[in-house]
């Protein structure tokens, strides 16, 4: 049964295992829930001594998001983003007197990830290992926690992250020896480490789920951190090696919207909280001084433009401090609200690029996916940026529920309309992928495409194939890119569909002429990396599968 007391999660590979409080229990078959009120975060000054290794393991080798076909591996760009989650957790723990270390292994193979994890445990001797679990790295995380449980039984294993929060009950029932942190992790992890080191009762810690007394225990809900300024800056030095030109920041947390394909609600509860602009700009200045090779700060907020006046304040402060003369900014945002004054300020503050969520150009699909925008909103946003030097990029998703070849062509036609207003360059488009806790996942389960147990398998993150086969989805993607991607203009079909856009492409290329050679170099490099990864995977697939089986077998035997 499930009792709601705190927020820890666990899994088991044996029918009889040691639970997180040290007792031997059997696999739980049922769950019971009781409700409690959210606990207000208590900011404490210090933490009982502990040594915590934080890990984000390797992503699955195959990526449906960036692949061009079923055979294509997809790619992970080395200089795009890094785990601010790990950076914040380590910074917070260290501020409380806890020794902490992080391993960011998303871009590495399972074989290397396991080797690095094991060698680090042997050399550093942590008493707690915490994993950041996302859907794309869940399988490598399973192998890691199984291995640690078998070979280092005294180490406490903690899981956190969006995937954990969405599926904590499932994970705990399979791995009863783990502790799971639900939602926002800093304070919950701190109190969990403190309680473990003191030999205390974990069920008193809000924001956990765990296995105890033959049942899944969920502790009191942890209130979200209202004043984000209390958090130390994340440990950028973990990622900002010499030569890395893009640094990452968050100026806020949470999104009040509920798109059908997005899982953020599990962590942010549709609440948006912001840092003070002074606190944010202090971090930016720290990064400029600490990493003089950095050229760009990428703002990874879920909804950076939600409050136009706050963004304008950000721009004014960047200008006042002269930050806009030292670096450029990139930000993600929504199509609305966007005002003319905001766009002017973004340009003045040296914003190089904004990435706006479109996903589809079909009015019906915009509505059914709960984007809370219309085509008129999109036209307005592009019109406001049309006279500015700021590059506009946008995201497209193929295969939303209700997608047909007609909606794909409708999206392509709308994108071409936008490209005539402000040319937007498309290198790729995503095929809709299922994430647990989303409306898309619920539909897939209701239609029988997957069951909840799918997430415990070693299969890659699935495409949404309720309405179309993978072959049909990638055909739709090709049809879309033939009509909107500049890369396709040299192909017969691409030229046929885009020849009337050539004047707008030409203007775009002329305005970006100083960036064309570096951009072309990056495209060639990325293509070579993608093909290299593909052939390496073909060559080593059997070896990797053997390694995964061996680690799993060693953990179970």
Protein backbone atom coordinates (compact mmCIF):
# COMPACT_ATOMS: atom_id res chain seq x y z
CA UNK A 1 0.00 0.00 0.00
CA UNK A 2 1.02 3.64 -0.47
CA UNK A 3 0.97 6.03 2.44
CA UNK A 4 1.40 9.72 1.71
CA UNK A 5 3.94 10.95 4.22
CA UNK A 6 6.97 12.14 2.28
CA UNK A 7 8.45 11.89 -1.20
CA UNK A 8 10.99 9.06 -1.77
CA UNK A 9 10.93 6.46 -4.59
CA UNK A 10 12.31 2.93 -4.92
CA UNK A 11 12.62 -0.14 -7.22
CA UNK A 12 13.52 -3.78 -6.68
CA UNK A 13 15.00 -6.55 -8.81
CA UNK A 14 14.44 -9.23 -6.16
CA UNK A 15 11.24 -10.51 -4.59
CA UNK A 16 12.85 -9.96 -1.20
CA UNK A 17 15.17 -6.96 -0.78
CA UNK A 18 16.50 -4.48 1.74
CA UNK A 19 14.31 -1.39 1.96
CA UNK A 20 15.67 2.12 2.46
CA UNK A 21 15.40 1.91 6.25
CA UNK A 22 17.53 -1.24 6.36
CA UNK A 23 14.78 -3.81 6.95
CA UNK A 24 14.09 -6.78 4.67
CA UNK A 25 10.72 -6.60 2.94
CA UNK A 26 8.89 -8.30 0.08
CA UNK A 27 7.68 -6.79 -3.20
CA UNK A 28 4.63 -4.56 -2.74
CA UNK A 29 1.52 -5.55 -4.66
CA UNK A 30 -0.95 -2.80 -3.78
CA UNK A 31 -0.99 0.90 -3.05
CA UNK A 32 -3.04 2.98 -0.65
CA UNK A 33 -3.06 6.77 -0.51
CA UNK A 34 -3.79 9.22 2.26
CA UNK A 35 -3.54 12.97 1.88
CA UNK A 36 -1.48 15.53 3.75
CA UNK A 37 -0.88 19.23 3.38
CA UNK A 38 2.16 20.62 1.62
CA UNK A 39 5.08 21.30 3.94
CA UNK A 40 6.66 24.76 3.84
CA UNK A 41 10.39 24.63 2.97
CA UNK A 42 12.64 25.25 5.95
CA UNK A 43 16.00 26.75 4.99
CA UNK A 44 18.60 25.33 7.34
CA UNK A 45 22.16 26.50 7.86
CA UNK A 46 24.15 23.24 7.74
CA UNK A 47 23.96 19.56 6.95
CA UNK A 48 25.27 16.53 8.80
CA UNK A 49 28.46 15.24 7.15
CA UNK A 50 27.85 13.24 4.01
CA UNK A 51 29.52 12.51 0.70
CA UNK A 52 27.08 12.65 -2.21
CA UNK A 53 27.78 11.66 -5.80
CA UNK A 54 25.26 13.15 -8.24
CA UNK A 55 24.93 11.41 -11.60
CA UNK A 56 23.10 11.91 -14.88
CA UNK A 57 23.77 8.76 -16.91
CA UNK A 58 24.01 8.23 -20.66
CA UNK A 59 21.13 8.96 -23.00
CA UNK A 60 19.84 6.10 -25.12
CA UNK A 61 21.87 5.70 -28.29
CA UNK A 62 18.90 6.24 -30.60
CA UNK A 63 17.13 9.60 -30.60
CA UNK A 64 13.77 9.86 -32.36
CA UNK A 65 13.81 13.59 -31.70
CA UNK A 66 16.73 14.48 -33.98
CA UNK A 67 16.89 11.45 -36.28
CA UNK A 68 15.97 11.85 -39.95
CA UNK A 69 14.72 8.26 -40.36
CA UNK A 70 14.28 5.05 -38.41
CA UNK A 71 17.88 4.08 -39.17
CA UNK A 72 19.39 7.46 -38.28
CA UNK A 73 20.81 7.72 -34.76
CA UNK A 74 20.08 11.39 -34.18
CA UNK A 75 22.60 13.65 -32.44
CA UNK A 76 23.42 15.49 -29.25
CA UNK A 77 25.16 18.82 -29.81
CA UNK A 78 28.12 19.29 -27.50
CA UNK A 79 27.70 23.03 -26.99
CA UNK A 80 23.92 23.34 -26.63
CA UNK A 81 22.99 22.91 -22.98
CA UNK A 82 24.06 21.18 -19.78
CA UNK A 83 22.46 19.93 -16.59
CA UNK A 84 21.62 22.98 -14.52
CA UNK A 85 19.77 20.52 -12.25
CA UNK A 86 23.00 18.82 -11.20
CA UNK A 87 24.68 22.22 -10.90
CA UNK A 88 22.00 23.57 -8.57
CA UNK A 89 21.94 20.42 -6.43
CA UNK A 90 25.70 20.35 -5.94
CA UNK A 91 25.82 24.07 -5.22
CA UNK A 92 23.06 23.76 -2.63
CA UNK A 93 24.58 20.73 -0.88
CA UNK A 94 28.00 22.35 -0.71
CA UNK A 95 26.50 25.51 0.76
CA UNK A 96 25.16 23.29 3.57
CA UNK A 97 28.54 21.74 4.34
CA UNK A 98 28.08 18.50 2.40
CA UNK A 99 30.78 17.08 0.14
CA UNK A 100 29.31 16.66 -3.33
CA UNK A 101 30.54 15.64 -6.76
CA UNK A 102 28.73 15.41 -10.11
CA UNK A 103 29.08 13.18 -13.18
CA UNK A 104 27.36 14.51 -16.31
CA UNK A 105 27.39 11.52 -18.66
CA UNK A 106 24.42 12.13 -20.98
CA UNK A 107 26.59 12.34 -24.10
CA UNK A 108 28.56 9.15 -23.38
CA UNK A 109 27.91 5.51 -24.19
CA UNK A 110 26.47 3.13 -21.61
CA UNK A 111 29.80 1.30 -21.49
CA UNK A 112 31.76 4.46 -20.70
CA UNK A 113 29.07 5.74 -18.33
CA UNK A 114 29.21 2.56 -16.24
CA UNK A 115 33.00 2.49 -16.27
CA UNK A 116 33.23 6.12 -15.15
CA UNK A 117 30.61 5.66 -12.44
CA UNK A 118 32.28 2.57 -11.00
CA UNK A 119 35.77 4.10 -11.01
CA UNK A 120 34.47 7.26 -9.34
CA UNK A 121 32.74 5.27 -6.60
CA UNK A 122 35.92 3.27 -6.00
CA UNK A 123 38.11 6.39 -5.86
CA UNK A 124 35.81 8.87 -4.11
CA UNK A 125 33.91 6.47 -1.81
CA UNK A 126 30.51 8.25 -1.56
CA UNK A 127 27.95 7.08 0.98
CA UNK A 128 25.06 8.38 -1.19
CA UNK A 129 24.62 8.29 -4.97
CA UNK A 130 21.81 10.39 -6.45
CA UNK A 131 20.58 9.99 -10.03
CA UNK A 132 18.90 12.57 -12.25
CA UNK A 133 16.39 10.43 -14.15
CA UNK A 134 14.94 11.57 -17.45
CA UNK A 135 12.98 9.33 -19.80
CA UNK A 136 15.88 9.16 -22.26
CA UNK A 137 18.40 8.00 -19.64
CA UNK A 138 16.15 5.76 -17.57
CA UNK A 139 17.58 2.49 -18.95
CA UNK A 140 21.19 3.39 -18.21
CA UNK A 141 20.04 4.52 -14.76
CA UNK A 142 18.42 1.12 -14.15
CA UNK A 143 21.69 -0.63 -15.00
CA UNK A 144 23.62 1.71 -12.72
CA UNK A 145 21.39 1.35 -9.65
CA UNK A 146 21.20 -2.43 -10.07
CA UNK A 147 25.00 -2.61 -10.18
CA UNK A 148 25.49 -0.33 -7.20
CA UNK A 149 22.93 -2.20 -5.11
CA UNK A 150 24.68 -5.50 -5.79
CA UNK A 151 28.32 -4.40 -5.46
CA UNK A 152 28.09 -1.48 -3.00
CA UNK A 153 25.19 -2.45 -0.71
CA UNK A 154 26.08 0.15 1.93
CA UNK A 155 25.55 3.05 -0.49
CA UNK A 156 22.17 4.79 -0.29
CA UNK A 157 20.62 5.24 -3.75
CA UNK A 158 18.42 8.28 -4.44
CA UNK A 159 16.47 8.96 -7.63
CA UNK A 160 15.07 12.33 -8.68
CA UNK A 161 14.07 14.20 -11.82
CA UNK A 162 10.96 14.48 -13.97
CA UNK A 163 10.73 10.79 -14.89
CA UNK A 164 11.07 9.77 -11.25
CA UNK A 165 8.42 12.24 -10.13
CA UNK A 166 5.97 11.03 -12.77
CA UNK A 167 6.49 7.31 -12.08
CA UNK A 168 7.75 7.05 -8.50
CA UNK A 169 5.26 4.36 -7.50
CA UNK A 170 6.28 2.08 -10.36
CA UNK A 171 9.96 2.58 -9.63
CA UNK A 172 9.62 1.94 -5.93
CA UNK A 173 7.69 -1.27 -6.43
CA UNK A 174 10.47 -2.59 -8.67
CA UNK A 175 13.44 -1.20 -6.73
CA UNK A 176 12.40 -1.04 -3.04
CA UNK A 177 15.94 -0.16 -1.94
CA UNK A 178 15.92 3.29 -3.56
CA UNK A 179 14.77 6.61 -2.16
CA UNK A 180 13.02 8.99 -4.55
CA UNK A 181 12.91 12.76 -4.42
CA UNK A 182 9.73 14.15 -5.95
CA UNK A 183 9.65 17.49 -7.72
CA UNK A 184 12.04 20.29 -6.85
CA UNK A 185 15.08 18.69 -5.31
CA UNK A 186 17.41 21.04 -3.47
CA UNK A 187 15.86 21.22 0.02
CA UNK A 188 14.40 17.71 -0.09
CA UNK A 189 17.77 16.21 -1.02
CA UNK A 190 19.52 18.21 1.69
CA UNK A 191 17.11 17.00 4.38
CA UNK A 192 17.28 13.44 3.04
CA UNK A 193 21.07 13.38 3.25
CA UNK A 194 20.96 14.91 6.73
CA UNK A 195 18.41 12.36 7.92
CA UNK A 196 20.31 9.41 6.43
CA UNK A 197 23.59 10.51 7.99
CA UNK A 198 21.91 10.98 11.37
CA UNK A 199 20.11 7.63 11.17
CA UNK A 200 16.75 9.39 11.36
CA UNK A 201 13.29 8.57 10.07
CA UNK A 202 12.93 9.39 6.36
CA UNK A 203 9.15 9.46 6.58
CA UNK A 204 9.47 12.80 8.40
CA UNK A 205 11.10 14.39 5.34
CA UNK A 206 8.55 16.09 3.00
CA UNK A 207 8.88 15.46 -0.72
CA UNK A 208 9.94 11.80 -0.68
CA UNK A 209 8.61 8.36 -1.61
CA UNK A 210 10.11 5.04 -0.47
CA UNK A 211 9.41 1.42 0.40
CA UNK A 212 8.90 0.63 4.07
CA UNK A 213 6.96 -1.91 6.14
CA UNK A 214 5.85 -3.77 3.02
CA UNK A 215 4.33 -0.74 1.29
CA UNK A 216 5.11 2.35 -0.75
CA UNK A 217 5.34 5.40 1.47
CA UNK A 218 4.83 8.90 0.09
CA UNK A 219 5.60 11.66 2.55
CA UNK A 220 4.00 15.08 2.82
CA UNK A 221 4.14 17.22 -0.32
CA UNK A 222 7.09 19.58 -0.46
CA UNK A 223 6.12 23.19 -1.12
CA UNK A 224 7.93 24.79 -4.03
CA UNK A 225 10.69 27.27 -3.26
CA UNK A 226 9.06 30.69 -3.55
CA UNK A 227 12.20 32.82 -3.15
CA UNK A 228 14.60 31.41 -5.74
CA UNK A 229 17.23 33.97 -4.74
CA UNK A 230 18.06 31.81 -1.69
CA UNK A 231 19.66 29.26 -4.01
CA UNK A 232 23.39 29.56 -4.71
CA UNK A 233 24.38 29.90 -8.33
CA UNK A 234 24.64 26.48 -10.00
CA UNK A 235 28.11 24.99 -10.37
CA UNK A 236 28.78 26.16 -13.91
CA UNK A 237 32.44 25.16 -13.55
CA UNK A 238 31.36 21.52 -13.79
CA UNK A 239 30.49 22.10 -17.44
CA UNK A 240 32.14 25.30 -18.67
CA UNK A 241 35.44 23.84 -19.82
CA UNK A 242 37.81 26.01 -21.81
CA UNK A 243 36.48 26.46 -25.30
CA UNK A 244 32.81 25.96 -24.46
CA UNK A 245 31.21 29.17 -25.72
CA UNK A 246 27.64 28.80 -24.43
CA UNK A 247 26.71 29.14 -20.77
CA UNK A 248 23.24 28.32 -19.45
CA UNK A 249 21.04 30.00 -16.85
CA UNK A 250 17.50 29.89 -15.47
CA UNK A 251 15.87 33.16 -14.45
CA UNK A 252 12.64 31.45 -13.42
CA UNK A 253 11.10 28.03 -12.84
CA UNK A 254 7.79 26.56 -13.93
CA UNK A 255 5.18 27.00 -16.63
CA UNK A 256 1.47 27.77 -16.10
CA UNK A 257 0.43 26.07 -19.35
CA UNK A 258 -0.35 22.42 -20.05
CA UNK A 259 0.62 21.38 -23.58
CA UNK A 260 -0.49 17.86 -24.41
CA UNK A 261 3.06 16.62 -25.07
CA UNK A 262 4.85 18.26 -22.12
CA UNK A 263 5.65 16.67 -18.74
CA UNK A 264 6.72 19.80 -16.83
CA UNK A 265 3.56 19.89 -14.74
CA UNK A 266 4.81 16.96 -12.65
CA UNK A 267 7.57 19.16 -11.24
CA UNK A 268 6.40 22.78 -11.61
CA UNK A 269 2.68 22.23 -10.80
CA UNK A 270 1.85 24.88 -13.43
CA UNK A 271 3.30 27.61 -11.19
CA UNK A 272 5.83 30.16 -12.39
CA UNK A 273 8.36 31.56 -9.92
CA UNK A 274 11.02 34.13 -10.73
CA UNK A 275 14.41 35.24 -9.46
CA UNK A 276 15.13 38.92 -8.91
CA UNK A 277 16.78 40.60 -11.89
CA UNK A 278 19.68 41.67 -9.66
CA UNK A 279 20.30 38.06 -8.66
CA UNK A 280 20.18 36.92 -12.29
CA UNK A 281 22.51 39.63 -13.55
CA UNK A 282 24.95 38.96 -10.71
CA UNK A 283 25.15 35.39 -11.99
CA UNK A 284 25.69 36.54 -15.56
CA UNK A 285 28.54 38.83 -14.48
CA UNK A 286 30.06 36.01 -12.42
CA UNK A 287 30.02 33.77 -15.51
CA UNK A 288 31.60 36.46 -17.70
CA UNK A 289 34.46 36.87 -15.22
CA UNK A 290 34.90 33.16 -14.48
CA UNK A 291 34.73 31.97 -18.10
CA UNK A 292 36.24 34.66 -20.32
CA UNK A 293 35.93 32.38 -23.38
CA UNK A 294 32.13 32.35 -23.03
CA UNK A 295 30.36 34.24 -25.84
CA UNK A 296 26.67 33.44 -25.29
CA UNK A 297 24.36 33.05 -22.31
CA UNK A 298 21.39 30.83 -23.12
CA UNK A 299 18.30 31.48 -20.98
CA UNK A 300 16.51 28.13 -20.57
CA UNK A 301 13.36 29.36 -18.83
CA UNK A 302 10.18 27.53 -19.75
CA UNK A 303 8.35 30.84 -20.22
CA UNK A 304 10.88 33.70 -20.32
CA UNK A 305 8.47 36.13 -22.03
CA UNK A 306 5.58 35.44 -19.64
CA UNK A 307 6.01 38.86 -17.99
CA UNK A 308 7.15 41.41 -20.58
CA UNK A 309 7.93 44.06 -17.96
CA UNK A 310 10.30 41.69 -16.15
CA UNK A 311 12.14 40.90 -19.38
CA UNK A 312 12.42 44.62 -20.11
CA UNK A 313 13.88 45.08 -16.61
CA UNK A 314 16.38 42.32 -17.42
CA UNK A 315 17.40 44.09 -20.63
CA UNK A 316 17.72 47.47 -18.91
CA UNK A 317 19.96 45.96 -16.22
CA UNK A 318 22.13 44.20 -18.82
CA UNK A 319 22.57 47.53 -20.60
CA UNK A 320 23.21 49.45 -17.36
CA UNK A 321 25.97 47.03 -16.34
CA UNK A 322 27.48 46.88 -19.83
CA UNK A 323 26.87 43.15 -20.06
CA UNK A 324 25.35 43.57 -23.52
CA UNK A 325 28.76 44.69 -24.82
CA UNK A 326 30.50 41.56 -23.54
CA UNK A 327 28.19 38.69 -24.49
CA UNK A 328 25.10 37.81 -26.51
CA UNK A 329 21.89 36.26 -25.22
CA UNK A 330 19.68 33.47 -26.53
CA UNK A 331 16.27 32.78 -25.00
CA UNK A 332 13.33 30.42 -25.43
CA UNK A 333 9.82 31.81 -25.11
CA UNK A 334 6.19 31.66 -26.15
CA UNK A 335 4.59 33.41 -29.10
CA UNK A 336 2.64 35.61 -26.70
CA UNK A 337 2.69 37.95 -24.94
CA UNK A 338 5.23 39.84 -27.05
CA UNK A 339 5.16 43.62 -27.41
CA UNK A 340 6.99 46.00 -29.72
CA UNK A 341 8.72 47.58 -26.73
CA UNK A 342 9.92 44.16 -25.58
CA UNK A 343 11.42 43.34 -28.97
CA UNK A 344 13.23 46.68 -29.08
CA UNK A 345 14.71 46.07 -25.62
CA UNK A 346 15.81 42.55 -26.58
CA UNK A 347 17.75 43.99 -29.50
CA UNK A 348 19.27 46.74 -27.37
CA UNK A 349 20.41 44.15 -24.81
CA UNK A 350 22.19 42.13 -27.54
CA UNK A 351 19.85 39.19 -27.84
CA UNK A 352 21.16 37.21 -30.77
CA UNK A 353 18.32 34.71 -31.10
CA UNK A 354 14.91 33.84 -29.69
CA UNK A 355 13.39 30.37 -29.97
CA UNK A 356 9.61 30.36 -30.06
CA UNK A 357 7.37 27.33 -29.63
CA UNK A 358 5.12 26.77 -32.65
CA UNK A 359 4.98 22.95 -32.97
CA UNK A 360 2.28 23.08 -35.67
CA UNK A 361 0.82 25.64 -38.05
CA UNK A 362 -2.57 23.97 -38.15
CA UNK A 363 -5.19 25.85 -36.16
CA UNK A 364 -7.03 22.68 -35.13
CA UNK A 365 -3.86 21.04 -33.79
CA UNK A 366 -2.80 24.21 -31.96
CA UNK A 367 -6.10 24.06 -30.12
CA UNK A 368 -6.15 20.31 -29.44
CA UNK A 369 -2.58 20.33 -28.11
CA UNK A 370 -3.51 23.16 -25.69
CA UNK A 371 -0.84 25.54 -26.96
CA UNK A 372 -3.02 28.51 -25.98
CA UNK A 373 -1.93 30.42 -29.09
CA UNK A 374 -3.51 31.02 -32.50
CA UNK A 375 -2.06 31.57 -35.94
CA UNK A 376 -2.79 35.28 -35.52
CA UNK A 377 -0.63 35.31 -32.38
CA UNK A 378 2.20 33.74 -34.37
CA UNK A 379 1.81 36.23 -37.24
CA UNK A 380 1.89 39.08 -34.73
CA UNK A 381 5.09 37.79 -33.11
CA UNK A 382 6.86 37.40 -36.46
CA UNK A 383 5.69 40.83 -37.53
CA UNK A 384 7.22 42.38 -34.40
CA UNK A 385 10.58 40.70 -35.07
CA UNK A 386 10.53 41.33 -38.82
CA UNK A 387 12.46 44.61 -38.68
CA UNK A 388 14.97 43.40 -36.08
CA UNK A 389 18.37 41.77 -36.45
CA UNK A 390 17.44 39.11 -33.89
CA UNK A 391 17.25 35.64 -35.40
CA UNK A 392 13.94 33.88 -34.83
CA UNK A 393 13.88 30.09 -34.58
CA UNK A 394 10.90 27.92 -33.89
CA UNK A 395 10.11 24.31 -33.12
CA UNK A 396 7.99 21.93 -35.15
CA UNK A 397 6.55 18.56 -34.10
CA UNK A 398 5.32 15.95 -36.56
CA UNK A 399 2.63 13.50 -35.45
CA UNK A 400 0.53 15.33 -32.87
CA UNK A 401 -2.82 13.59 -32.25
CA UNK A 402 -5.02 14.38 -35.26
CA UNK A 403 -2.04 14.91 -37.62
CA UNK A 404 -2.61 14.01 -41.28
CA UNK A 405 -0.74 14.70 -44.48
CA UNK A 406 -3.20 17.58 -44.97
CA UNK A 407 -2.26 19.18 -41.62
CA UNK A 408 1.43 18.71 -42.47
CA UNK A 409 0.98 20.60 -45.74
CA UNK A 410 -1.10 23.21 -43.91
CA UNK A 411 1.75 23.67 -41.42
CA UNK A 412 4.28 23.93 -44.25
CA UNK A 413 2.19 26.56 -46.04
CA UNK A 414 1.84 28.58 -42.85
CA UNK A 415 5.58 28.36 -42.14
CA UNK A 416 6.29 29.65 -45.66
CA UNK A 417 3.95 32.55 -44.91
CA UNK A 418 6.02 33.25 -41.79
CA UNK A 419 9.29 32.94 -43.72
CA UNK A 420 8.14 35.75 -46.00
CA UNK A 421 7.67 37.95 -42.94
CA UNK A 422 10.85 36.94 -41.08
CA UNK A 423 12.81 34.06 -42.52
CA UNK A 424 13.24 31.20 -40.09
CA UNK A 425 15.79 28.50 -40.78
CA UNK A 426 14.81 24.88 -40.16
CA UNK A 427 17.43 22.18 -39.97
CA UNK A 428 15.12 19.58 -38.48
CA UNK A 429 11.72 18.84 -36.98
CA UNK A 430 10.85 16.45 -34.17
CA UNK A 431 8.60 13.42 -34.43
CA UNK A 432 6.21 13.32 -31.46
CA UNK A 433 7.68 11.28 -28.62
CA UNK A 434 5.74 9.92 -25.66
CA UNK A 435 6.67 11.02 -22.15
CA UNK A 436 5.04 9.64 -18.99
CA UNK A 437 2.58 11.93 -17.27
CA UNK A 438 1.50 13.71 -20.46
CA UNK A 439 -1.87 13.74 -22.20
CA UNK A 440 -0.18 12.13 -25.20
CA UNK A 441 0.96 9.27 -22.97
CA UNK A 442 -2.56 8.85 -21.59
CA UNK A 443 -3.94 8.59 -25.12
CA UNK A 444 -1.29 6.04 -26.09
CA UNK A 445 -2.16 3.92 -23.06
CA UNK A 446 -5.90 4.18 -23.65
CA UNK A 447 -5.43 3.09 -27.27
CA UNK A 448 -3.23 0.18 -26.26
CA UNK A 449 0.03 1.35 -27.84
CA UNK A 450 1.90 1.01 -24.54
CA UNK A 451 1.21 -0.02 -20.97
CA UNK A 452 2.59 1.56 -17.81
CA UNK A 453 5.10 -1.31 -17.58
CA UNK A 454 6.71 -0.11 -20.82
CA UNK A 455 8.79 2.37 -18.84
CA UNK A 456 10.52 -0.49 -17.03
CA UNK A 457 11.69 -2.06 -20.30
CA UNK A 458 14.94 -1.36 -22.12
CA UNK A 459 13.13 -0.04 -25.18
CA UNK A 460 13.95 3.49 -26.43
CA UNK A 461 11.55 6.33 -25.74
CA UNK A 462 8.63 5.59 -28.07
CA UNK A 463 7.12 7.57 -30.89
CA UNK A 464 3.39 8.28 -30.74
CA UNK A 465 2.16 5.68 -33.25
CA UNK A 466 -1.52 5.42 -32.33
CA UNK A 467 -2.55 6.97 -35.64
CA UNK A 468 0.45 6.42 -37.93
CA UNK A 469 3.29 3.95 -38.36
CA UNK A 470 6.89 5.16 -37.88
CA UNK A 471 7.37 4.96 -41.64
CA UNK A 472 4.37 7.23 -42.20
CA UNK A 473 5.58 9.69 -39.56
CA UNK A 474 9.03 10.00 -41.10
CA UNK A 475 7.44 10.41 -44.51
CA UNK A 476 5.38 13.30 -43.09
CA UNK A 477 8.56 14.76 -41.66
CA UNK A 478 10.24 14.58 -45.05
CA UNK A 479 7.25 16.25 -46.72
CA UNK A 480 7.40 19.06 -44.15
CA UNK A 481 11.16 19.61 -44.43
CA UNK A 482 11.04 19.52 -48.24
CA UNK A 483 8.79 22.57 -47.97
CA UNK A 484 10.43 24.57 -45.15
CA UNK A 485 14.11 23.58 -44.80
CA UNK A 486 16.73 25.58 -46.67
CA UNK A 487 18.89 22.46 -46.71
CA UNK A 488 16.38 20.84 -49.08
CA UNK A 489 16.45 23.62 -51.70
CA UNK A 490 19.16 21.78 -53.63
CA UNK A 491 16.94 18.71 -54.03
CA UNK A 492 14.35 18.48 -56.84
CA UNK A 493 11.38 18.33 -54.46
CA UNK A 494 12.82 20.97 -52.17
CA UNK A 495 13.36 23.37 -55.07
CA UNK A 496 9.89 22.69 -56.46
CA UNK A 497 8.24 23.58 -53.15
CA UNK A 498 10.52 26.46 -52.09
CA UNK A 499 11.67 28.29 -55.24
CA UNK A 500 9.32 31.20 -54.45
CA UNK A 501 10.98 31.55 -51.02
CA UNK A 502 14.47 31.98 -52.50
CA UNK A 503 14.43 35.83 -52.32
CA UNK A 504 13.70 35.61 -48.58
CA UNK A 505 16.40 32.97 -48.12
CA UNK A 506 18.86 35.20 -49.96
CA UNK A 507 18.09 38.16 -47.72
CA UNK A 508 18.47 35.94 -44.65
CA UNK A 509 21.84 34.63 -45.84
CA UNK A 510 23.09 38.15 -46.67
CA UNK A 511 22.14 39.45 -43.25
CA UNK A 512 23.89 36.44 -41.67
CA UNK A 513 26.90 36.49 -44.01
CA UNK A 514 29.37 36.96 -41.12
CA UNK A 515 28.02 33.81 -39.51
CA UNK A 516 27.61 31.65 -42.61
CA UNK A 517 31.08 30.11 -42.63
CA UNK A 518 30.99 29.16 -38.91
CA UNK A 519 27.42 27.92 -39.30
CA UNK A 520 28.30 25.86 -42.36
CA UNK A 521 31.27 24.44 -40.52
CA UNK A 522 29.03 23.48 -37.61
CA UNK A 523 26.50 21.81 -39.94
CA UNK A 524 29.25 19.77 -41.61
CA UNK A 525 30.69 18.87 -38.21
CA UNK A 526 27.29 17.85 -36.90
CA UNK A 527 26.61 15.71 -39.95
CA UNK A 528 29.96 14.01 -39.56
CA UNK A 529 29.30 13.46 -35.85
CA UNK A 530 25.88 12.01 -36.63
CA UNK A 531 27.24 9.61 -39.23
CA UNK A 532 30.13 8.71 -36.95
CA UNK A 533 27.71 7.92 -34.14
CA UNK A 534 25.56 5.87 -36.52
CA UNK A 535 28.41 3.71 -37.80
CA UNK A 536 29.89 3.38 -34.31
CA UNK A 537 26.52 2.22 -33.06
CA UNK A 538 26.21 -0.32 -35.90
CA UNK A 539 29.69 -1.59 -35.08
CA UNK A 540 29.29 -1.71 -31.30
CA UNK A 541 25.58 -2.43 -30.88
CA UNK A 542 26.20 -6.07 -30.05
CA UNK A 543 28.97 -5.14 -27.63
CA UNK A 544 26.82 -2.57 -25.84
CA UNK A 545 23.92 -5.00 -25.58
CA UNK A 546 26.28 -7.63 -24.17
CA UNK A 547 27.66 -5.13 -21.65
CA UNK A 548 24.16 -4.10 -20.57
CA UNK A 549 23.15 -7.72 -20.16
CA UNK A 550 26.29 -8.45 -18.17
CA UNK A 551 25.74 -5.54 -15.76
CA UNK A 552 22.10 -6.52 -15.35
CA UNK A 553 23.00 -10.19 -14.82
CA UNK A 554 25.67 -9.36 -12.27
CA UNK A 555 23.18 -7.24 -10.34
CA UNK A 556 20.53 -9.96 -10.32
CA UNK A 557 22.70 -13.02 -9.74
